[in-house]
Amino acid sequence: MSYKIDLKELEFSHIGRETKLEGNFTFNGPTIVSGTIIGTVEMGNCPVFIIERDGLIKGKLKCHHIEIRGEFEGEIFSAGKVIIHPSSRVKGQVYAKDLIIRPGAIIDFSGHSEGANLI
């Protein structure tokens, strides 16, 4: 049996732990960040965006659904759900349709949920 993966058909991104990016970025497909991004991030289609425990984002994030396990500082604009896990640190502003904060998360932000036309 032969397994062939056509990389042209895959739409996902993974930013590794030792990677540091600065600037404006647009990602398509599910995206996992274990490294550092400083700048603006926009999701091109409506997949999940995950900041892992080692991940750090400083800037502006526009997405549909985000799960934060690492650190975020800046503004989040989410047309869907924002989940802030116990291992996370979040500082800034969060605008989301649905906001879930798990016990143990360290937060310092102003937040708005059920907003219309967030992205």
Protein backbone atom coordinates (compact mmCIF):
# COMPACT_ATOMS: atom_id res chain seq x y z
CA MET A 1 0.00 0.00 0.00
CA SER A 2 1.38 3.39 -0.99
CA TYR A 3 0.71 6.56 0.95
CA LYS A 4 1.13 9.74 -0.99
CA ILE A 5 0.72 13.16 0.60
CA ASP A 6 0.15 16.07 -1.73
CA LEU A 7 1.52 19.07 0.15
CA LYS A 8 -0.25 21.42 -2.26
CA GLU A 9 -3.56 20.25 -0.81
CA LEU A 10 -2.65 20.75 2.85
CA GLU A 11 -3.58 24.02 4.53
CA PHE A 12 -2.13 24.24 8.02
CA SER A 13 0.72 26.09 9.71
CA HIS A 14 2.93 25.30 12.68
CA ILE A 15 5.31 27.90 14.08
CA GLY A 16 7.99 26.02 16.04
CA ARG A 17 9.31 26.85 19.53
CA GLU A 18 12.55 28.48 18.43
CA THR A 19 10.92 30.52 15.66
CA LYS A 20 10.39 34.28 15.98
CA LEU A 21 8.38 36.19 13.38
CA GLU A 22 7.81 39.95 13.19
CA GLY A 23 5.40 41.67 10.79
CA ASN A 24 1.94 41.14 9.32
CA PHE A 25 0.82 37.58 8.59
CA THR A 26 -2.17 35.81 7.04
CA PHE A 27 -2.62 32.10 7.69
CA ASN A 28 -5.05 29.68 6.03
CA GLY A 29 -6.11 26.47 7.68
CA PRO A 30 -5.53 25.39 11.28
CA THR A 31 -2.54 27.18 12.82
CA ILE A 32 -0.49 26.25 15.87
CA VAL A 33 2.01 28.68 17.39
CA SER A 34 4.72 27.34 19.70
CA GLY A 35 7.15 30.16 18.93
CA THR A 36 6.86 33.96 18.99
CA ILE A 37 4.92 36.28 16.69
CA ILE A 38 5.10 40.06 17.06
CA GLY A 39 2.73 41.96 14.78
CA THR A 40 -0.64 41.40 13.15
CA VAL A 41 -2.09 37.97 12.43
CA GLU A 42 -5.21 37.38 10.30
CA MET A 43 -6.80 34.05 9.54
CA GLY A 44 -7.77 33.81 5.87
CA ASN A 45 -10.54 31.26 6.36
CA CYS A 46 -12.30 30.26 9.56
CA PRO A 47 -10.10 27.57 11.13
CA VAL A 48 -8.85 27.20 14.68
CA PHE A 49 -5.82 29.17 15.88
CA ILE A 50 -3.90 27.72 18.84
CA ILE A 51 -1.21 29.35 20.96
CA GLU A 52 0.65 26.51 22.68
CA ARG A 53 2.23 26.72 26.17
CA ASP A 54 5.56 27.93 24.75
CA GLY A 55 3.85 30.28 22.30
CA LEU A 56 3.81 34.07 22.57
CA ILE A 57 1.95 36.60 20.46
CA LYS A 58 2.22 40.36 20.89
CA GLY A 59 0.03 42.44 18.62
CA LYS A 60 -3.33 42.07 16.92
CA LEU A 61 -5.07 38.78 16.11
CA LYS A 62 -8.15 38.46 13.88
CA CYS A 63 -9.60 34.97 13.74
CA HIS A 64 -12.69 32.83 14.10
CA HIS A 65 -11.79 30.43 16.93
CA ILE A 66 -8.75 30.67 19.21
CA GLU A 67 -7.41 28.56 22.05
CA ILE A 68 -4.74 30.13 24.24
CA ARG A 69 -2.43 27.94 26.31
CA GLY A 70 0.58 30.27 26.20
CA GLU A 71 0.89 34.06 26.27
CA PHE A 72 -0.94 36.79 24.38
CA GLU A 73 -0.58 40.56 24.70
CA GLY A 74 -2.60 42.91 22.50
CA GLU A 75 -6.01 42.78 20.82
CA ILE A 76 -8.03 39.72 19.84
CA PHE A 77 -10.96 39.99 17.44
CA SER A 78 -12.80 36.67 17.23
CA ALA A 79 -16.02 35.98 15.31
CA GLY A 80 -16.28 32.70 17.20
CA LYS A 81 -14.97 31.30 20.46
CA VAL A 82 -11.96 32.34 22.57
CA ILE A 83 -10.85 29.73 25.11
CA ILE A 84 -8.28 30.82 27.69
CA HIS A 85 -6.74 27.73 29.31
CA PRO A 86 -5.24 27.47 32.86
CA SER A 87 -1.64 27.68 31.61
CA SER A 88 -2.20 30.98 29.77
CA ARG A 89 -1.45 34.64 30.38
CA VAL A 90 -3.57 37.18 28.49
CA LYS A 91 -3.21 40.96 28.61
CA GLY A 92 -5.02 43.54 26.47
CA GLN A 93 -8.46 43.57 24.82
CA VAL A 94 -10.60 40.62 23.75
CA TYR A 95 -13.61 41.00 21.46
CA ALA A 96 -15.34 37.66 20.93
CA LYS A 97 -18.72 36.13 20.24
CA ASP A 98 -18.07 33.52 22.97
CA LEU A 99 -15.45 33.84 25.72
CA ILE A 100 -14.43 30.95 28.00
CA ILE A 101 -11.90 31.44 30.81
CA ARG A 102 -10.70 28.26 32.52
CA PRO A 103 -9.75 28.40 36.24
CA GLY A 104 -6.06 29.15 36.74
CA ALA A 105 -5.60 31.44 33.73
CA ILE A 106 -3.82 34.72 34.44
CA ILE A 107 -5.73 37.54 32.79
CA ASP A 108 -5.55 41.33 32.65
CA PHE A 109 -7.85 42.45 29.87
CA SER A 110 -11.05 44.20 29.00
CA GLY A 111 -13.43 41.96 27.12
CA HIS A 112 -16.59 42.14 25.07
CA SER A 113 -18.64 39.20 23.89
CA GLU A 114 -21.65 38.80 21.59
CA GLY A 115 -20.27 41.58 19.42
CA ALA A 116 -21.49 41.99 15.89
CA ASN A 117 -19.15 42.19 12.90
CA LEU A 118 -15.97 41.58 14.87
CA ILE A 119 -13.74 40.76 11.93
